[in-house]
Amino acid sequence: MIRNIPIRYTIDLLIKELEDFNNKFDCIYLPFDYEREGNKGFAFINFINPLHIILFFELFEGRTWKYIESNKICSLNMANYQGINEI
């Protein structure tokens, strides 16, 4: 789970933010809040290979966001199982 995503981030901006991980995940879900007209501040990502999580964590945990100025700091929570074969 990716947390503290700026509310104005769209799925396209989030995927652009994750461009170093193209072809390393098979699903990403960014819930949208229609009342606030923005995302809910978190997203779920499923990596193809569980080893990709290590690099992802090193690059994203505690960093700021590139495409929208925000004081939010990226925070990650890892699932017990990752990758379609593990699930």
Protein backbone atom coordinates (compact mmCIF):
# COMPACT_ATOMS: atom_id res chain seq x y z
CA MET A 1 0.00 0.00 0.00
CA ILE A 2 1.24 3.45 -0.92
CA ARG A 3 0.07 6.09 1.56
CA ASN A 4 0.06 9.89 1.77
CA ILE A 5 -0.55 10.45 -1.94
CA PRO A 6 -1.49 14.07 -2.65
CA ILE A 7 -5.24 14.26 -3.26
CA ARG A 8 -4.84 15.93 -6.67
CA TYR A 9 -2.76 13.02 -8.01
CA THR A 10 -4.51 11.15 -10.80
CA ILE A 11 -3.80 7.56 -11.76
CA ASP A 12 -1.81 8.88 -14.75
CA LEU A 13 0.42 11.01 -12.49
CA LEU A 14 0.92 8.12 -10.09
CA ILE A 15 1.93 5.79 -12.92
CA LYS A 16 4.29 8.50 -14.21
CA GLU A 17 5.77 8.75 -10.70
CA LEU A 18 6.36 4.97 -10.80
CA GLU A 19 7.96 4.97 -14.27
CA ASP A 20 11.15 3.30 -12.94
CA PHE A 21 8.94 0.30 -12.15
CA ASN A 22 7.23 -0.10 -15.52
CA ASN A 23 6.62 -3.80 -16.21
CA LYS A 24 7.36 -4.64 -12.57
CA PHE A 25 3.75 -4.47 -11.35
CA ASP A 26 0.60 -5.95 -12.80
CA CYS A 27 -2.06 -4.01 -10.91
CA ILE A 28 -2.40 -0.60 -9.35
CA TYR A 29 -5.56 0.79 -7.76
CA LEU A 30 -5.98 4.42 -6.70
CA PRO A 31 -9.45 4.90 -5.14
CA PHE A 32 -11.23 8.12 -6.10
CA ASP A 33 -13.42 10.20 -3.78
CA TYR A 34 -16.10 11.84 -5.93
CA GLU A 35 -17.30 14.14 -3.14
CA ARG A 36 -13.84 15.71 -2.68
CA GLU A 37 -12.98 15.30 -6.38
CA GLY A 38 -9.63 13.73 -5.65
CA ASN A 39 -8.06 10.43 -4.70
CA LYS A 40 -8.38 9.02 -1.19
CA GLY A 41 -4.67 9.42 -0.40
CA PHE A 42 -3.64 5.80 -0.80
CA ALA A 43 -3.16 3.19 -3.52
CA PHE A 44 -2.60 -0.53 -3.77
CA ILE A 45 0.12 -1.92 -6.01
CA ASN A 46 0.85 -5.56 -6.81
CA PHE A 47 4.38 -6.38 -7.95
CA ILE A 48 5.03 -9.24 -10.36
CA ASN A 49 8.07 -10.36 -8.40
CA PRO A 50 8.27 -9.93 -4.61
CA LEU A 51 11.94 -8.88 -4.92
CA HIS A 52 10.86 -5.65 -6.62
CA ILE A 53 9.44 -4.52 -3.30
CA ILE A 54 12.90 -4.06 -1.81
CA LEU A 55 13.99 -1.56 -4.45
CA PHE A 56 10.59 0.13 -4.41
CA PHE A 57 10.78 0.55 -0.63
CA GLU A 58 14.32 1.98 -0.85
CA LEU A 59 13.28 4.54 -3.48
CA PHE A 60 9.87 5.61 -2.21
CA GLU A 61 9.65 5.29 1.58
CA GLY A 62 9.97 8.77 3.10
CA ARG A 63 10.31 10.69 -0.14
CA THR A 64 8.32 13.64 -1.42
CA TRP A 65 6.19 13.64 -4.55
CA LYS A 66 7.54 14.91 -7.89
CA TYR A 67 4.56 16.21 -9.81
CA ILE A 68 2.46 18.15 -7.31
CA GLU A 69 3.90 20.31 -4.57
CA SER A 70 2.80 18.85 -1.27
CA ASN A 71 4.09 18.45 2.27
CA LYS A 72 2.94 14.81 2.26
CA ILE A 73 5.67 12.20 2.60
CA CYS A 74 5.28 8.82 0.93
CA SER A 75 4.73 5.97 3.35
CA LEU A 76 4.54 2.27 2.46
CA ASN A 77 2.90 -0.73 4.07
CA MET A 78 3.79 -4.15 2.72
CA ALA A 79 1.43 -7.08 2.36
CA ASN A 80 2.32 -10.56 3.57
CA TYR A 81 1.99 -11.89 0.01
CA GLN A 82 3.07 -10.16 -3.20
CA GLY A 83 2.87 -11.30 -6.80
CA ILE A 84 0.20 -13.35 -8.52
CA ASN A 85 2.05 -16.61 -7.91
CA GLU A 86 2.22 -15.95 -4.16
CA ILE A 87 -1.42 -14.94 -3.86
